[in-house]
Amino acid sequence: MRKELILSAAVLLLAAFTALAYDAEPENVRVVPAGMELIKVGGTDVLVPRGTKVTQRGAQLILEPPEQYLARKIQDLEEEIARLKYEEAQIKKDIESLKQSTGQNASSPKE
């Protein structure tokens, strides 16, 4: 009788821990790959490359074609590279002017 009581208690504890563990797990856990995003349009979840333009016309979901997405991303990158090159040139000019001004200050006698 005592063994049955201990066995019943163990089964109940196991069932309770299993129920708690099940409730602790989040529902609908989705792993989104790097460079992708999960967007919700209406009642639909769509996995698309990050930055893809999505439009909805009535019940129709229209994703930006891959060719347009890549062309837009390449154009954005080219503009960013041009901006960075310009900033680099400005910084180099500033450095040269600082070198010249400190070179002049170093050669002049201090009072």
PDB file of N, CA and C in Angstrom:
ATOM      1  N   MET A   1       0.829  -1.191   0.000  1.00  0.00           N
ATOM      2  CA  MET A   1       0.000   0.000   0.000  1.00  0.00           C
ATOM      3  C   MET A   1       0.870   1.251   0.000  1.00  0.00           C
ATOM      4  N   ARG A   2       1.923   1.231   0.826  1.00  0.00           N
ATOM      5  CA  ARG A   2       2.802   2.397   0.925  1.00  0.00           C
ATOM      6  C   ARG A   2       3.538   2.615  -0.398  1.00  0.00           C
ATOM      7  N   LYS A   3       3.974   1.534  -1.059  1.00  0.00           N
ATOM      8  CA  LYS A   3       4.658   1.650  -2.339  1.00  0.00           C
ATOM      9  C   LYS A   3       3.735   2.267  -3.389  1.00  0.00           C
ATOM     10  N   GLU A   4       2.474   1.873  -3.378  1.00  0.00           N
ATOM     11  CA  GLU A   4       1.508   2.411  -4.335  1.00  0.00           C
ATOM     12  C   GLU A   4       1.292   3.904  -4.107  1.00  0.00           C
ATOM     13  N   LEU A   5       1.253   4.319  -2.851  1.00  0.00           N
ATOM     14  CA  LEU A   5       1.079   5.731  -2.517  1.00  0.00           C
ATOM     15  C   LEU A   5       2.282   6.551  -2.991  1.00  0.00           C
ATOM     16  N   ILE A   6       3.486   6.049  -2.773  1.00  0.00           N
ATOM     17  CA  ILE A   6       4.705   6.741  -3.207  1.00  0.00           C
ATOM     18  C   ILE A   6       4.755   6.796  -4.737  1.00  0.00           C
ATOM     19  N   LEU A   7       4.389   5.702  -5.386  1.00  0.00           N
ATOM     20  CA  LEU A   7       4.377   5.659  -6.851  1.00  0.00           C
ATOM     21  C   LEU A   7       3.346   6.633  -7.414  1.00  0.00           C
ATOM     22  N   SER A   8       2.183   6.717  -6.806  1.00  0.00           N
ATOM     23  CA  SER A   8       1.134   7.644  -7.253  1.00  0.00           C
ATOM     24  C   SER A   8       1.584   9.092  -7.079  1.00  0.00           C
ATOM     25  N   ALA A   9       2.251   9.383  -5.951  1.00  0.00           N
ATOM     26  CA  ALA A   9       2.750  10.738  -5.703  1.00  0.00           C
ATOM     27  C   ALA A   9       3.813  11.107  -6.732  1.00  0.00           C
ATOM     28  N   ALA A  10       4.686  10.161  -7.058  1.00  0.00           N
ATOM     29  CA  ALA A  10       5.732  10.417  -8.043  1.00  0.00           C
ATOM     30  C   ALA A  10       5.129  10.683  -9.417  1.00  0.00           C
ATOM     31  N   VAL A  11       4.126   9.932  -9.803  1.00  0.00           N
ATOM     32  CA  VAL A  11       3.463  10.129 -11.095  1.00  0.00           C
ATOM     33  C   VAL A  11       2.778  11.490 -11.138  1.00  0.00           C
ATOM     34  N   LEU A  12       2.115  11.871 -10.042  1.00  0.00           N
ATOM     35  CA  LEU A  12       1.457  13.176  -9.989  1.00  0.00           C
ATOM     36  C   LEU A  12       2.473  14.316 -10.083  1.00  0.00           C
ATOM     37  N   LEU A  13       3.597  14.177  -9.371  1.00  0.00           N
ATOM     38  CA  LEU A  13       4.643  15.206  -9.447  1.00  0.00           C
ATOM     39  C   LEU A  13       5.229  15.300 -10.849  1.00  0.00           C
ATOM     40  N   LEU A  14       5.463  14.174 -11.471  1.00  0.00           N
ATOM     41  CA  LEU A  14       5.986  14.158 -12.832  1.00  0.00           C
ATOM     42  C   LEU A  14       5.012  14.827 -13.799  1.00  0.00           C
ATOM     43  N   ALA A  15       3.727  14.539 -13.647  1.00  0.00           N
ATOM     44  CA  ALA A  15       2.716  15.161 -14.501  1.00  0.00           C
ATOM     45  C   ALA A  15       2.655  16.669 -14.263  1.00  0.00           C
ATOM     46  N   ALA A  16       2.775  17.088 -13.026  1.00  0.00           N
ATOM     47  CA  ALA A  16       2.728  18.522 -12.705  1.00  0.00           C
ATOM     48  C   ALA A  16       3.929  19.245 -13.307  1.00  0.00           C
ATOM     49  N   PHE A  17       5.128  18.665 -13.162  1.00  0.00           N
ATOM     50  CA  PHE A  17       6.327  19.290 -13.729  1.00  0.00           C
ATOM     51  C   PHE A  17       6.273  19.338 -15.256  1.00  0.00           C
ATOM     52  N   THR A  18       5.719  18.291 -15.855  1.00  0.00           N
ATOM     53  CA  THR A  18       5.582  18.266 -17.308  1.00  0.00           C
ATOM     54  C   THR A  18       4.630  19.361 -17.767  1.00  0.00           C
ATOM     55  N   ALA A  19       3.536  19.541 -17.073  1.00  0.00           N
ATOM     56  CA  ALA A  19       2.576  20.590 -17.427  1.00  0.00           C
ATOM     57  C   ALA A  19       3.195  21.971 -17.269  1.00  0.00           C
ATOM     58  N   LEU A  20       3.970  22.181 -16.204  1.00  0.00           N
ATOM     59  CA  LEU A  20       4.627  23.474 -16.005  1.00  0.00           C
ATOM     60  C   LEU A  20       5.655  23.736 -17.096  1.00  0.00           C
ATOM     61  N   ALA A  21       6.402  22.729 -17.464  1.00  0.00           N
ATOM     62  CA  ALA A  21       7.412  22.892 -18.509  1.00  0.00           C
ATOM     63  C   ALA A  21       6.751  23.187 -19.844  1.00  0.00           C
ATOM     64  N   TYR A  22       5.643  22.550 -20.121  1.00  0.00           N
ATOM     65  CA  TYR A  22       4.925  22.782 -21.371  1.00  0.00           C
ATOM     66  C   TYR A  22       4.398  24.208 -21.439  1.00  0.00           C
ATOM     67  N   ASP A  23       3.876  24.721 -20.324  1.00  0.00           N
ATOM     68  CA  ASP A  23       3.359  26.088 -20.297  1.00  0.00           C
ATOM     69  C   ASP A  23       4.479  27.118 -20.406  1.00  0.00           C
ATOM     70  N   ALA A  24       5.682  26.771 -19.983  1.00  0.00           N
ATOM     71  CA  ALA A  24       6.794  27.716 -20.011  1.00  0.00           C
ATOM     72  C   ALA A  24       7.342  27.921 -21.422  1.00  0.00           C
ATOM     73  N   GLU A  25       7.109  26.974 -22.322  1.00  0.00           N
ATOM     74  CA  GLU A  25       7.606  27.108 -23.685  1.00  0.00           C
ATOM     75  C   GLU A  25       6.772  28.130 -24.448  1.00  0.00           C
ATOM     76  N   PRO A  26       7.440  29.113 -25.100  1.00  0.00           N
ATOM     77  CA  PRO A  26       6.681  30.101 -25.879  1.00  0.00           C
ATOM     78  C   PRO A  26       6.048  29.445 -27.103  1.00  0.00           C
ATOM     79  N   GLU A  27       4.891  29.957 -27.462  1.00  0.00           N
ATOM     80  CA  GLU A  27       4.188  29.426 -28.619  1.00  0.00           C
ATOM     81  C   GLU A  27       4.670  30.136 -29.879  1.00  0.00           C
ATOM     82  N   ASN A  28       4.602  29.451 -30.985  1.00  0.00           N
ATOM     83  CA  ASN A  28       4.937  30.012 -32.295  1.00  0.00           C
ATOM     84  C   ASN A  28       6.322  30.652 -32.328  1.00  0.00           C
ATOM     85  N   VAL A  29       7.301  29.966 -31.781  1.00  0.00           N
ATOM     86  CA  VAL A  29       8.672  30.473 -31.821  1.00  0.00           C
ATOM     87  C   VAL A  29       9.207  30.230 -33.228  1.00  0.00           C
ATOM     88  N   ARG A  30       9.628  31.320 -33.873  1.00  0.00           N
ATOM     89  CA  ARG A  30      10.165  31.210 -35.218  1.00  0.00           C
ATOM     90  C   ARG A  30      11.562  31.800 -35.234  1.00  0.00           C
ATOM     91  N   VAL A  31      12.467  31.087 -35.843  1.00  0.00           N
ATOM     92  CA  VAL A  31      13.825  31.591 -35.991  1.00  0.00           C
ATOM     93  C   VAL A  31      13.900  32.282 -37.342  1.00  0.00           C
ATOM     94  N   VAL A  32      14.244  33.567 -37.311  1.00  0.00           N
ATOM     95  CA  VAL A  32      14.352  34.345 -38.536  1.00  0.00           C
ATOM     96  C   VAL A  32      15.816  34.351 -38.959  1.00  0.00           C
ATOM     97  N   PRO A  33      16.122  33.858 -40.165  1.00  0.00           N
ATOM     98  CA  PRO A  33      17.514  33.824 -40.622  1.00  0.00           C
ATOM     99  C   PRO A  33      18.111  35.231 -40.733  1.00  0.00           C
ATOM    100  N   ALA A  34      19.428  35.306 -40.678  1.00  0.00           N
ATOM    101  CA  ALA A  34      20.118  36.591 -40.792  1.00  0.00           C
ATOM    102  C   ALA A  34      19.804  37.226 -42.141  1.00  0.00           C
ATOM    103  N   GLY A  35      19.550  38.524 -42.135  1.00  0.00           N
ATOM    104  CA  GLY A  35      19.254  39.239 -43.371  1.00  0.00           C
ATOM    105  C   GLY A  35      17.800  39.162 -43.792  1.00  0.00           C
ATOM    106  N   MET A  36      17.007  38.462 -43.007  1.00  0.00           N
ATOM    107  CA  MET A  36      15.585  38.314 -43.335  1.00  0.00           C
ATOM    108  C   MET A  36      14.760  38.971 -42.235  1.00  0.00           C
ATOM    109  N   GLU A  37      13.504  39.230 -42.547  1.00  0.00           N
ATOM    110  CA  GLU A  37      12.590  39.742 -41.541  1.00  0.00           C
ATOM    111  C   GLU A  37      11.222  39.113 -41.742  1.00  0.00           C
ATOM    112  N   LEU A  38      10.506  38.993 -40.648  1.00  0.00           N
ATOM    113  CA  LEU A  38       9.165  38.428 -40.660  1.00  0.00           C
ATOM    114  C   LEU A  38       8.200  39.596 -40.554  1.00  0.00           C
ATOM    115  N   ILE A  39       7.415  39.817 -41.599  1.00  0.00           N
ATOM    116  CA  ILE A  39       6.464  40.914 -41.576  1.00  0.00           C
ATOM    117  C   ILE A  39       5.052  40.350 -41.572  1.00  0.00           C
ATOM    118  N   LYS A  40       4.159  41.114 -41.008  1.00  0.00           N
ATOM    119  CA  LYS A  40       2.763  40.684 -40.944  1.00  0.00           C
ATOM    120  C   LYS A  40       1.941  41.620 -41.819  1.00  0.00           C
ATOM    121  N   VAL A  41       1.315  41.060 -42.807  1.00  0.00           N
ATOM    122  CA  VAL A  41       0.447  41.828 -43.699  1.00  0.00           C
ATOM    123  C   VAL A  41      -0.930  41.203 -43.611  1.00  0.00           C
ATOM    124  N   GLY A  42      -1.856  41.967 -43.042  1.00  0.00           N
ATOM    125  CA  GLY A  42      -3.174  41.401 -42.798  1.00  0.00           C
ATOM    126  C   GLY A  42      -3.042  40.304 -41.762  1.00  0.00           C
ATOM    127  N   GLY A  43      -3.494  39.116 -42.075  1.00  0.00           N
ATOM    128  CA  GLY A  43      -3.371  37.996 -41.156  1.00  0.00           C
ATOM    129  C   GLY A  43      -2.271  37.040 -41.567  1.00  0.00           C
ATOM    130  N   THR A  44      -1.413  37.473 -42.501  1.00  0.00           N
ATOM    131  CA  THR A  44      -0.390  36.594 -43.051  1.00  0.00           C
ATOM    132  C   THR A  44       0.996  37.013 -42.586  1.00  0.00           C
ATOM    133  N   ASP A  45       1.800  36.051 -42.128  1.00  0.00           N
ATOM    134  CA  ASP A  45       3.203  36.295 -41.813  1.00  0.00           C
ATOM    135  C   ASP A  45       4.030  35.921 -43.034  1.00  0.00           C
ATOM    136  N   VAL A  46       4.900  36.850 -43.447  1.00  0.00           N
ATOM    137  CA  VAL A  46       5.703  36.630 -44.639  1.00  0.00           C
ATOM    138  C   VAL A  46       7.169  36.819 -44.284  1.00  0.00           C
ATOM    139  N   LEU A  47       8.012  35.867 -44.677  1.00  0.00           N
ATOM    140  CA  LEU A  47       9.449  35.954 -44.463  1.00  0.00           C
ATOM    141  C   LEU A  47      10.075  36.504 -45.739  1.00  0.00           C
ATOM    142  N   VAL A  48      10.669  37.695 -45.640  1.00  0.00           N
ATOM    143  CA  VAL A  48      11.234  38.373 -46.811  1.00  0.00           C
ATOM    144  C   VAL A  48      12.623  38.903 -46.472  1.00  0.00           C
ATOM    145  N   PRO A  49      13.444  39.180 -47.497  1.00  0.00           N
ATOM    146  CA  PRO A  49      14.727  39.832 -47.221  1.00  0.00           C
ATOM    147  C   PRO A  49      14.485  41.194 -46.572  1.00  0.00           C
ATOM    148  N   ARG A  50      15.339  41.561 -45.612  1.00  0.00           N
ATOM    149  CA  ARG A  50      15.181  42.820 -44.884  1.00  0.00           C
ATOM    150  C   ARG A  50      15.208  43.983 -45.879  1.00  0.00           C
ATOM    151  N   GLY A  51      14.187  44.807 -45.822  1.00  0.00           N
ATOM    152  CA  GLY A  51      14.101  45.977 -46.691  1.00  0.00           C
ATOM    153  C   GLY A  51      13.254  45.768 -47.930  1.00  0.00           C
ATOM    154  N   THR A  52      12.712  44.582 -48.131  1.00  0.00           N
ATOM    155  CA  THR A  52      11.866  44.336 -49.294  1.00  0.00           C
ATOM    156  C   THR A  52      10.584  45.149 -49.175  1.00  0.00           C
ATOM    157  N   LYS A  53      10.218  45.793 -50.273  1.00  0.00           N
ATOM    158  CA  LYS A  53       8.975  46.567 -50.270  1.00  0.00           C
ATOM    159  C   LYS A  53       7.801  45.615 -50.508  1.00  0.00           C
ATOM    160  N   VAL A  54       6.802  45.750 -49.664  1.00  0.00           N
ATOM    161  CA  VAL A  54       5.614  44.904 -49.748  1.00  0.00           C
ATOM    162  C   VAL A  54       4.400  45.810 -49.832  1.00  0.00           C
ATOM    163  N   THR A  55       3.564  45.556 -50.806  1.00  0.00           N
ATOM    164  CA  THR A  55       2.321  46.318 -50.935  1.00  0.00           C
ATOM    165  C   THR A  55       1.154  45.339 -50.966  1.00  0.00           C
ATOM    166  N   GLN A  56      -0.005  45.858 -50.598  1.00  0.00           N
ATOM    167  CA  GLN A  56      -1.192  45.022 -50.601  1.00  0.00           C
ATOM    168  C   GLN A  56      -2.286  45.748 -51.365  1.00  0.00           C
ATOM    169  N   ARG A  57      -2.816  45.082 -52.341  1.00  0.00           N
ATOM    170  CA  ARG A  57      -3.931  45.620 -53.117  1.00  0.00           C
ATOM    171  C   ARG A  57      -5.101  44.672 -52.936  1.00  0.00           C
ATOM    172  N   GLY A  58      -6.050  45.113 -52.150  1.00  0.00           N
ATOM    173  CA  GLY A  58      -7.180  44.249 -51.834  1.00  0.00           C
ATOM    174  C   GLY A  58      -6.682  43.046 -51.052  1.00  0.00           C
ATOM    175  N   ALA A  59      -6.970  41.868 -51.539  1.00  0.00           N
ATOM    176  CA  ALA A  59      -6.529  40.642 -50.874  1.00  0.00           C
ATOM    177  C   ALA A  59      -5.194  40.152 -51.428  1.00  0.00           C
ATOM    178  N   GLN A  60      -4.668  40.875 -52.415  1.00  0.00           N
ATOM    179  CA  GLN A  60      -3.436  40.446 -53.073  1.00  0.00           C
ATOM    180  C   GLN A  60      -2.216  41.072 -52.407  1.00  0.00           C
ATOM    181  N   LEU A  61      -1.243  40.257 -52.084  1.00  0.00           N
ATOM    182  CA  LEU A  61       0.003  40.692 -51.468  1.00  0.00           C
ATOM    183  C   LEU A  61       1.081  40.728 -52.550  1.00  0.00           C
ATOM    184  N   ILE A  62       1.680  41.905 -52.752  1.00  0.00           N
ATOM    185  CA  ILE A  62       2.663  42.057 -53.823  1.00  0.00           C
ATOM    186  C   ILE A  62       4.028  42.349 -53.211  1.00  0.00           C
ATOM    187  N   LEU A  63       4.959  41.433 -53.450  1.00  0.00           N
ATOM    188  CA  LEU A  63       6.331  41.599 -52.986  1.00  0.00           C
ATOM    189  C   LEU A  63       7.173  42.180 -54.109  1.00  0.00           C
ATOM    190  N   GLU A  64       8.130  43.011 -53.734  1.00  0.00           N
ATOM    191  CA  GLU A  64       9.055  43.580 -54.702  1.00  0.00           C
ATOM    192  C   GLU A  64       9.829  42.441 -55.370  1.00  0.00           C
ATOM    193  N   PRO A  65       9.918  42.434 -56.690  1.00  0.00           N
ATOM    194  CA  PRO A  65      10.670  41.365 -57.364  1.00  0.00           C
ATOM    195  C   PRO A  65      12.141  41.373 -56.949  1.00  0.00           C
ATOM    196  N   PRO A  66      12.785  40.196 -56.930  1.00  0.00           N
ATOM    197  CA  PRO A  66      14.189  40.126 -56.507  1.00  0.00           C
ATOM    198  C   PRO A  66      15.114  41.031 -57.319  1.00  0.00           C
ATOM    199  N   GLU A  67      14.848  41.170 -58.638  1.00  0.00           N
ATOM    200  CA  GLU A  67      15.701  42.017 -59.477  1.00  0.00           C
ATOM    201  C   GLU A  67      15.638  43.468 -59.023  1.00  0.00           C
ATOM    202  N   GLN A  68      14.429  43.942 -58.723  1.00  0.00           N
ATOM    203  CA  GLN A  68      14.268  45.323 -58.263  1.00  0.00           C
ATOM    204  C   GLN A  68      14.897  45.514 -56.885  1.00  0.00           C
ATOM    205  N   TYR A  69      14.714  44.547 -56.020  1.00  0.00           N
ATOM    206  CA  TYR A  69      15.294  44.627 -54.673  1.00  0.00           C
ATOM    207  C   TYR A  69      16.807  44.738 -54.761  1.00  0.00           C
ATOM    208  N   LEU A  70      17.435  43.853 -55.551  1.00  0.00           N
ATOM    209  CA  LEU A  70      18.892  43.879 -55.684  1.00  0.00           C
ATOM    210  C   LEU A  70      19.376  45.166 -56.334  1.00  0.00           C
ATOM    211  N   ALA A  71      18.678  45.622 -57.362  1.00  0.00           N
ATOM    212  CA  ALA A  71      19.083  46.864 -58.032  1.00  0.00           C
ATOM    213  C   ALA A  71      18.998  48.044 -57.065  1.00  0.00           C
ATOM    214  N   ARG A  72      17.945  48.094 -56.271  1.00  0.00           N
ATOM    215  CA  ARG A  72      17.777  49.182 -55.305  1.00  0.00           C
ATOM    216  C   ARG A  72      18.849  49.118 -54.227  1.00  0.00           C
ATOM    217  N   LYS A  73      19.141  47.914 -53.735  1.00  0.00           N
ATOM    218  CA  LYS A  73      20.171  47.762 -52.710  1.00  0.00           C
ATOM    219  C   LYS A  73      21.549  48.141 -53.250  1.00  0.00           C
ATOM    220  N   ILE A  74      21.866  47.733 -54.482  1.00  0.00           N
ATOM    221  CA  ILE A  74      23.157  48.089 -55.076  1.00  0.00           C
ATOM    222  C   ILE A  74      23.265  49.597 -55.261  1.00  0.00           C
ATOM    223  N   GLN A  75      22.186  50.228 -55.701  1.00  0.00           N
ATOM    224  CA  GLN A  75      22.201  51.687 -55.861  1.00  0.00           C
ATOM    225  C   GLN A  75      22.404  52.368 -54.504  1.00  0.00           C
ATOM    226  N   ASP A  76      21.722  51.885 -53.479  1.00  0.00           N
ATOM    227  CA  ASP A  76      21.900  52.450 -52.135  1.00  0.00           C
ATOM    228  C   ASP A  76      23.349  52.298 -51.668  1.00  0.00           C
ATOM    229  N   LEU A  77      23.947  51.129 -51.931  1.00  0.00           N
ATOM    230  CA  LEU A  77      25.335  50.899 -51.534  1.00  0.00           C
ATOM    231  C   LEU A  77      26.298  51.810 -52.300  1.00  0.00           C
ATOM    232  N   GLU A  78      26.052  51.997 -53.592  1.00  0.00           N
ATOM    233  CA  GLU A  78      26.905  52.884 -54.387  1.00  0.00           C
ATOM    234  C   GLU A  78      26.830  54.322 -53.875  1.00  0.00           C
ATOM    235  N   GLU A  79      25.627  54.772 -53.518  1.00  0.00           N
ATOM    236  CA  GLU A  79      25.475  56.118 -52.965  1.00  0.00           C
ATOM    237  C   GLU A  79      26.195  56.238 -51.627  1.00  0.00           C
ATOM    238  N   GLU A  80      26.102  55.212 -50.800  1.00  0.00           N
ATOM    239  CA  GLU A  80      26.776  55.212 -49.497  1.00  0.00           C
ATOM    240  C   GLU A  80      28.296  55.236 -49.672  1.00  0.00           C
ATOM    241  N   ILE A  81      28.803  54.465 -50.633  1.00  0.00           N
ATOM    242  CA  ILE A  81      30.244  54.452 -50.894  1.00  0.00           C
ATOM    243  C   ILE A  81      30.711  55.820 -51.369  1.00  0.00           C
ATOM    244  N   ALA A  82      29.940  56.455 -52.256  1.00  0.00           N
ATOM    245  CA  ALA A  82      30.308  57.792 -52.743  1.00  0.00           C
ATOM    246  C   ALA A  82      30.327  58.794 -51.595  1.00  0.00           C
ATOM    247  N   ARG A  83      29.348  58.710 -50.707  1.00  0.00           N
ATOM    248  CA  ARG A  83      29.295  59.617 -49.559  1.00  0.00           C
ATOM    249  C   ARG A  83      30.486  59.392 -48.637  1.00  0.00           C
ATOM    250  N   LEU A  84      30.826  58.134 -48.402  1.00  0.00           N
ATOM    251  CA  LEU A  84      31.966  57.821 -47.540  1.00  0.00           C
ATOM    252  C   LEU A  84      33.284  58.289 -48.156  1.00  0.00           C
ATOM    253  N   LYS A  85      33.427  58.152 -49.481  1.00  0.00           N
ATOM    254  CA  LYS A  85      34.643  58.635 -50.146  1.00  0.00           C
ATOM    255  C   LYS A  85      34.769  60.144 -50.012  1.00  0.00           C
ATOM    256  N   TYR A  86      33.638  60.844 -50.154  1.00  0.00           N
ATOM    257  CA  TYR A  86      33.654  62.293 -50.011  1.00  0.00           C
ATOM    258  C   TYR A  86      34.063  62.680 -48.582  1.00  0.00           C
ATOM    259  N   GLU A  87      33.482  62.013 -47.598  1.00  0.00           N
ATOM    260  CA  GLU A  87      33.826  62.290 -46.201  1.00  0.00           C
ATOM    261  C   GLU A  87      35.295  61.985 -45.924  1.00  0.00           C
ATOM    262  N   GLU A  88      35.802  60.913 -46.514  1.00  0.00           N
ATOM    263  CA  GLU A  88      37.212  60.563 -46.342  1.00  0.00           C
ATOM    264  C   GLU A  88      38.112  61.654 -46.913  1.00  0.00           C
ATOM    265  N   ALA A  89      37.758  62.150 -48.095  1.00  0.00           N
ATOM    266  CA  ALA A  89      38.546  63.221 -48.709  1.00  0.00           C
ATOM    267  C   ALA A  89      38.534  64.473 -47.834  1.00  0.00           C
ATOM    268  N   GLN A  90      37.372  64.795 -47.256  1.00  0.00           N
ATOM    269  CA  GLN A  90      37.277  65.966 -46.379  1.00  0.00           C
ATOM    270  C   GLN A  90      38.140  65.776 -45.130  1.00  0.00           C
ATOM    271  N   ILE A  91      38.124  64.589 -44.570  1.00  0.00           N
ATOM    272  CA  ILE A  91      38.922  64.317 -43.373  1.00  0.00           C
ATOM    273  C   ILE A  91      40.409  64.413 -43.696  1.00  0.00           C
ATOM    274  N   LYS A  92      40.806  63.886 -44.865  1.00  0.00           N
ATOM    275  CA  LYS A  92      42.217  63.983 -45.270  1.00  0.00           C
ATOM    276  C   LYS A  92      42.641  65.441 -45.421  1.00  0.00           C
ATOM    277  N   LYS A  93      41.757  66.275 -45.996  1.00  0.00           N
ATOM    278  CA  LYS A  93      42.062  67.709 -46.125  1.00  0.00           C
ATOM    279  C   LYS A  93      42.220  68.342 -44.749  1.00  0.00           C
ATOM    280  N   ASP A  94      41.323  67.986 -43.830  1.00  0.00           N
ATOM    281  CA  ASP A  94      41.401  68.534 -42.467  1.00  0.00           C
ATOM    282  C   ASP A  94      42.700  68.107 -41.784  1.00  0.00           C
ATOM    283  N   ILE A  95      43.092  66.864 -41.970  1.00  0.00           N
ATOM    284  CA  ILE A  95      44.331  66.366 -41.368  1.00  0.00           C
ATOM    285  C   ILE A  95      45.533  67.114 -41.935  1.00  0.00           C
ATOM    286  N   GLU A  96      45.557  67.313 -43.257  1.00  0.00           N
ATOM    287  CA  GLU A  96      46.669  68.037 -43.879  1.00  0.00           C
ATOM    288  C   GLU A  96      46.742  69.474 -43.381  1.00  0.00           C
ATOM    289  N   SER A  97      45.576  70.119 -43.245  1.00  0.00           N
ATOM    290  CA  SER A  97      45.596  71.507 -42.762  1.00  0.00           C
ATOM    291  C   SER A  97      46.050  71.561 -41.298  1.00  0.00           C
ATOM    292  N   LEU A  98      45.687  70.555 -40.510  1.00  0.00           N
ATOM    293  CA  LEU A  98      46.152  70.498 -39.120  1.00  0.00           C
ATOM    294  C   LEU A  98      47.655  70.250 -39.051  1.00  0.00           C
ATOM    295  N   LYS A  99      48.151  69.357 -39.928  1.00  0.00           N
ATOM    296  CA  LYS A  99      49.589  69.095 -39.961  1.00  0.00           C
ATOM    297  C   LYS A  99      50.356  70.362 -40.320  1.00  0.00           C
ATOM    298  N   GLN A 100      49.826  71.102 -41.305  1.00  0.00           N
ATOM    299  CA  GLN A 100      50.508  72.330 -41.726  1.00  0.00           C
ATOM    300  C   GLN A 100      50.471  73.377 -40.627  1.00  0.00           C
ATOM    301  N   SER A 101      49.338  73.506 -39.950  1.00  0.00           N
ATOM    302  CA  SER A 101      49.241  74.523 -38.904  1.00  0.00           C
ATOM    303  C   SER A 101      50.097  74.159 -37.695  1.00  0.00           C
ATOM    304  N   THR A 102      50.184  72.876 -37.353  1.00  0.00           N
ATOM    305  CA  THR A 102      51.038  72.492 -36.232  1.00  0.00           C
ATOM    306  C   THR A 102      52.502  72.559 -36.626  1.00  0.00           C
ATOM    307  N   GLY A 103      52.821  72.306 -37.888  1.00  0.00           N
ATOM    308  CA  GLY A 103      54.193  72.427 -38.361  1.00  0.00           C
ATOM    309  C   GLY A 103      54.662  73.862 -38.308  1.00  0.00           C
ATOM    310  N   GLN A 104      53.785  74.791 -38.635  1.00  0.00           N
ATOM    311  CA  GLN A 104      54.129  76.224 -38.567  1.00  0.00           C
ATOM    312  C   GLN A 104      54.286  76.660 -37.130  1.00  0.00           C
ATOM    313  N   ASN A 105      53.412  76.146 -36.239  1.00  0.00           N
ATOM    314  CA  ASN A 105      53.491  76.506 -34.823  1.00  0.00           C
ATOM    315  C   ASN A 105      54.741  75.943 -34.182  1.00  0.00           C
ATOM    316  N   ALA A 106      55.181  74.774 -34.599  1.00  0.00           N
ATOM    317  CA  ALA A 106      56.361  74.163 -34.008  1.00  0.00           C
ATOM    318  C   ALA A 106      57.629  74.908 -34.414  1.00  0.00           C
ATOM    319  N   SER A 107      57.651  75.493 -35.629  1.00  0.00           N
ATOM    320  CA  SER A 107      58.843  76.199 -36.074  1.00  0.00           C
ATOM    321  C   SER A 107      58.908  77.626 -35.544  1.00  0.00           C
ATOM    322  N   SER A 108      57.772  78.195 -35.134  1.00  0.00           N
ATOM    323  CA  SER A 108      57.799  79.544 -34.591  1.00  0.00           C
ATOM    324  C   SER A 108      58.242  79.517 -33.121  1.00  0.00           C
ATOM    325  N   PRO A 109      59.062  80.532 -32.681  1.00  0.00           N
ATOM    326  CA  PRO A 109      59.539  80.525 -31.301  1.00  0.00           C
ATOM    327  C   PRO A 109      58.416  80.738 -30.319  1.00  0.00           C
ATOM    328  N   LYS A 110      58.490  80.043 -29.184  1.00  0.00           N
ATOM    329  CA  LYS A 110      57.475  80.206 -28.141  1.00  0.00           C
ATOM    330  C   LYS A 110      57.910  81.322 -27.223  1.00  0.00           C
ATOM    331  N   GLU A 111      56.959  82.070 -26.768  1.00  0.00           N
ATOM    332  CA  GLU A 111      57.250  83.206 -25.873  1.00  0.00           C
ATOM    333  C   GLU A 111      57.027  82.852 -24.444  1.00  0.00           C
TER     334      GLU A 111
END
